[in-house]
């Protein structure tokens, strides 16, 4: 009879990676067991503790990214300076500016190429 048929666990419909992620997340909530077990709605409380754990991970990730921001900017700046030097050298080798007008045109060309 269909009334007594046991429902399939919804987690069985997840792919293996998602099952693993869920398992790790639920394990991370165990340290809050006393808190969510004392709640009126244990399941909802456990979800909230999972959200807390996810927020902690997000904060750590943002902090790490923030720590990388300045070194990354420095690397980009060095790269841009080297790019400018190379473009200037190549343009001057091709055009070989001899007067002020040609030098100005060369600089404008370099500025234009630097936008790419």
C-alpha atoms as a PDB file:
ATOM      1  CA  UNK A   1       0.000   0.000   0.000  1.00  0.00           C
ATOM      2  CA  UNK A   2       1.300   3.481  -0.918  1.00  0.00           C
ATOM      3  CA  UNK A   3       0.415   4.970   2.476  1.00  0.00           C
ATOM      4  CA  UNK A   4       3.174   3.098   4.260  1.00  0.00           C
ATOM      5  CA  UNK A   5       5.810   3.446   1.571  1.00  0.00           C
ATOM      6  CA  UNK A   6       8.990   4.985   2.973  1.00  0.00           C
ATOM      7  CA  UNK A   7      10.083   8.192   1.249  1.00  0.00           C
ATOM      8  CA  UNK A   8      13.465   8.225  -0.407  1.00  0.00           C
ATOM      9  CA  UNK A   9      16.043  10.456   1.288  1.00  0.00           C
ATOM     10  CA  UNK A  10      16.290  13.621  -0.838  1.00  0.00           C
ATOM     11  CA  UNK A  11      20.059  13.696  -0.328  1.00  0.00           C
ATOM     12  CA  UNK A  12      20.332  10.569  -2.473  1.00  0.00           C
ATOM     13  CA  UNK A  13      19.342  12.719  -5.452  1.00  0.00           C
ATOM     14  CA  UNK A  14      22.393  14.971  -5.031  1.00  0.00           C
ATOM     15  CA  UNK A  15      25.575  14.456  -7.008  1.00  0.00           C
ATOM     16  CA  UNK A  16      28.558  13.084  -5.089  1.00  0.00           C
ATOM     17  CA  UNK A  17      30.311  16.439  -4.724  1.00  0.00           C
ATOM     18  CA  UNK A  18      27.177  18.087  -3.339  1.00  0.00           C
ATOM     19  CA  UNK A  19      26.663  15.195  -0.918  1.00  0.00           C
ATOM     20  CA  UNK A  20      30.202  15.683   0.345  1.00  0.00           C
ATOM     21  CA  UNK A  21      29.804  19.469   0.689  1.00  0.00           C
ATOM     22  CA  UNK A  22      26.558  19.003   2.590  1.00  0.00           C
ATOM     23  CA  UNK A  23      28.121  16.401   4.857  1.00  0.00           C
ATOM     24  CA  UNK A  24      31.064  18.692   5.700  1.00  0.00           C
ATOM     25  CA  UNK A  25      28.711  21.599   6.320  1.00  0.00           C
ATOM     26  CA  UNK A  26      26.469  19.579   8.609  1.00  0.00           C
ATOM     27  CA  UNK A  27      29.526  18.272  10.451  1.00  0.00           C
ATOM     28  CA  UNK A  28      30.651  21.863  11.014  1.00  0.00           C
ATOM     29  CA  UNK A  29      27.344  22.587  12.751  1.00  0.00           C
ATOM     30  CA  UNK A  30      27.891  19.861  15.346  1.00  0.00           C
ATOM     31  CA  UNK A  31      29.822  22.245  17.591  1.00  0.00           C
ATOM     32  CA  UNK A  32      26.536  24.162  17.940  1.00  0.00           C
ATOM     33  CA  UNK A  33      24.565  21.030  18.820  1.00  0.00           C
ATOM     34  CA  UNK A  34      23.684  22.229  22.325  1.00  0.00           C
ATOM     35  CA  UNK A  35      22.284  25.481  20.901  1.00  0.00           C
ATOM     36  CA  UNK A  36      20.134  24.019  18.151  1.00  0.00           C
ATOM     37  CA  UNK A  37      18.948  21.067  20.231  1.00  0.00           C
ATOM     38  CA  UNK A  38      17.537  23.512  22.777  1.00  0.00           C
ATOM     39  CA  UNK A  39      15.559  25.358  20.088  1.00  0.00           C
ATOM     40  CA  UNK A  40      11.854  24.889  19.411  1.00  0.00           C
ATOM     41  CA  UNK A  41      12.592  23.963  15.788  1.00  0.00           C
ATOM     42  CA  UNK A  42      15.825  21.962  15.760  1.00  0.00           C
ATOM     43  CA  UNK A  43      16.009  21.588  11.966  1.00  0.00           C
ATOM     44  CA  UNK A  44      15.663  25.319  11.310  1.00  0.00           C
ATOM     45  CA  UNK A  45      18.148  26.115  14.062  1.00  0.00           C
ATOM     46  CA  UNK A  46      20.648  23.709  12.553  1.00  0.00           C
ATOM     47  CA  UNK A  47      20.230  25.479   9.210  1.00  0.00           C
ATOM     48  CA  UNK A  48      20.955  28.806  10.901  1.00  0.00           C
ATOM     49  CA  UNK A  49      24.111  27.392  12.471  1.00  0.00           C
ATOM     50  CA  UNK A  50      25.142  26.146   9.026  1.00  0.00           C
ATOM     51  CA  UNK A  51      24.640  29.688   7.720  1.00  0.00           C
ATOM     52  CA  UNK A  52      26.823  30.978  10.557  1.00  0.00           C
ATOM     53  CA  UNK A  53      29.571  28.530   9.584  1.00  0.00           C
ATOM     54  CA  UNK A  54      29.307  29.544   5.918  1.00  0.00           C
ATOM     55  CA  UNK A  55      29.530  33.215   6.898  1.00  0.00           C
ATOM     56  CA  UNK A  56      32.689  32.509   8.907  1.00  0.00           C
ATOM     57  CA  UNK A  57      34.235  30.825   5.867  1.00  0.00           C
ATOM     58  CA  UNK A  58      33.200  33.736   3.647  1.00  0.00           C
ATOM     59  CA  UNK A  59      34.761  36.221   6.070  1.00  0.00           C
ATOM     60  CA  UNK A  60      38.040  34.264   6.072  1.00  0.00           C
ATOM     61  CA  UNK A  61      38.042  34.144   2.272  1.00  0.00           C
ATOM     62  CA  UNK A  62      37.374  37.879   2.017  1.00  0.00           C
ATOM     63  CA  UNK A  63      40.178  38.580   4.475  1.00  0.00           C
ATOM     64  CA  UNK A  64      42.602  36.468   2.432  1.00  0.00           C
ATOM     65  CA  UNK A  65      41.548  38.217  -0.768  1.00  0.00           C
ATOM     66  CA  UNK A  66      42.002  41.577   0.934  1.00  0.00           C
ATOM     67  CA  UNK A  67      45.534  40.576   1.929  1.00  0.00           C
ATOM     68  CA  UNK A  68      46.299  39.734  -1.699  1.00  0.00           C
ATOM     69  CA  UNK A  69      44.893  42.945  -3.122  1.00  0.00           C
ATOM     70  CA  UNK A  70      47.905  45.236  -2.542  1.00  0.00           C
ATOM     71  CA  UNK A  71      50.553  42.770  -3.782  1.00  0.00           C
ATOM     72  CA  UNK A  72      48.405  42.108  -6.839  1.00  0.00           C
ATOM     73  CA  UNK A  73      48.132  45.825  -7.587  1.00  0.00           C
ATOM     74  CA  UNK A  74      51.923  46.103  -7.333  1.00  0.00           C
ATOM     75  CA  UNK A  75      52.390  43.206  -9.750  1.00  0.00           C
ATOM     76  CA  UNK A  76      49.958  44.772 -12.220  1.00  0.00           C
ATOM     77  CA  UNK A  77      51.732  48.144 -11.945  1.00  0.00           C
ATOM     78  CA  UNK A  78      55.115  46.553 -12.679  1.00  0.00           C
ATOM     79  CA  UNK A  79      53.596  44.699 -15.622  1.00  0.00           C
ATOM     80  CA  UNK A  80      52.063  47.881 -17.017  1.00  0.00           C
ATOM     81  CA  UNK A  81      55.396  49.722 -16.735  1.00  0.00           C
ATOM     82  CA  UNK A  82      57.212  46.926 -18.544  1.00  0.00           C
ATOM     83  CA  UNK A  83      54.502  46.889 -21.208  1.00  0.00           C
ATOM     84  CA  UNK A  84      54.935  50.653 -21.720  1.00  0.00           C
ATOM     85  CA  UNK A  85      58.727  50.331 -22.055  1.00  0.00           C
ATOM     86  CA  UNK A  86      58.376  47.536 -24.595  1.00  0.00           C
ATOM     87  CA  UNK A  87      55.751  49.381 -26.642  1.00  0.00           C
ATOM     88  CA  UNK A  88      57.839  52.579 -26.631  1.00  0.00           C
ATOM     89  CA  UNK A  89      60.938  50.663 -27.738  1.00  0.00           C
ATOM     90  CA  UNK A  90      59.115  48.880 -30.557  1.00  0.00           C
ATOM     91  CA  UNK A  91      57.393  52.036 -31.801  1.00  0.00           C
ATOM     92  CA  UNK A  92      60.649  54.005 -31.757  1.00  0.00           C
ATOM     93  CA  UNK A  93      62.438  51.226 -33.658  1.00  0.00           C
ATOM     94  CA  UNK A  94      59.737  51.251 -36.333  1.00  0.00           C
ATOM     95  CA  UNK A  95      59.135  55.009 -36.628  1.00  0.00           C
ATOM     96  CA  UNK A  96      62.582  56.289 -35.642  1.00  0.00           C
ATOM     97  CA  UNK A  97      61.459  59.773 -34.571  1.00  0.00           C
ATOM     98  CA  UNK A  98      63.937  62.474 -35.567  1.00  0.00           C
ATOM     99  CA  UNK A  99      62.192  65.726 -34.684  1.00  0.00           C
ATOM    100  CA  UNK A 100      59.836  66.994 -31.992  1.00  0.00           C
ATOM    101  CA  UNK A 101      56.706  66.500 -34.098  1.00  0.00           C
ATOM    102  CA  UNK A 102      57.573  62.876 -34.833  1.00  0.00           C
ATOM    103  CA  UNK A 103      58.411  62.290 -31.161  1.00  0.00           C
ATOM    104  CA  UNK A 104      55.016  63.716 -30.104  1.00  0.00           C
ATOM    105  CA  UNK A 105      53.256  61.516 -32.665  1.00  0.00           C
ATOM    106  CA  UNK A 106      55.223  58.536 -31.375  1.00  0.00           C
ATOM    107  CA  UNK A 107      54.145  59.273 -27.776  1.00  0.00           C
ATOM    108  CA  UNK A 108      50.506  59.588 -28.878  1.00  0.00           C
ATOM    109  CA  UNK A 109      50.779  56.257 -30.653  1.00  0.00           C
ATOM    110  CA  UNK A 110      52.292  54.687 -27.522  1.00  0.00           C
ATOM    111  CA  UNK A 111      49.463  56.125 -25.388  1.00  0.00           C
ATOM    112  CA  UNK A 112      46.931  54.749 -27.820  1.00  0.00           C
ATOM    113  CA  UNK A 113      48.546  51.302 -27.817  1.00  0.00           C
ATOM    114  CA  UNK A 114      48.683  51.252 -24.015  1.00  0.00           C
ATOM    115  CA  UNK A 115      44.878  51.228 -23.923  1.00  0.00           C
ATOM    116  CA  UNK A 116      44.898  47.690 -25.342  1.00  0.00           C
END
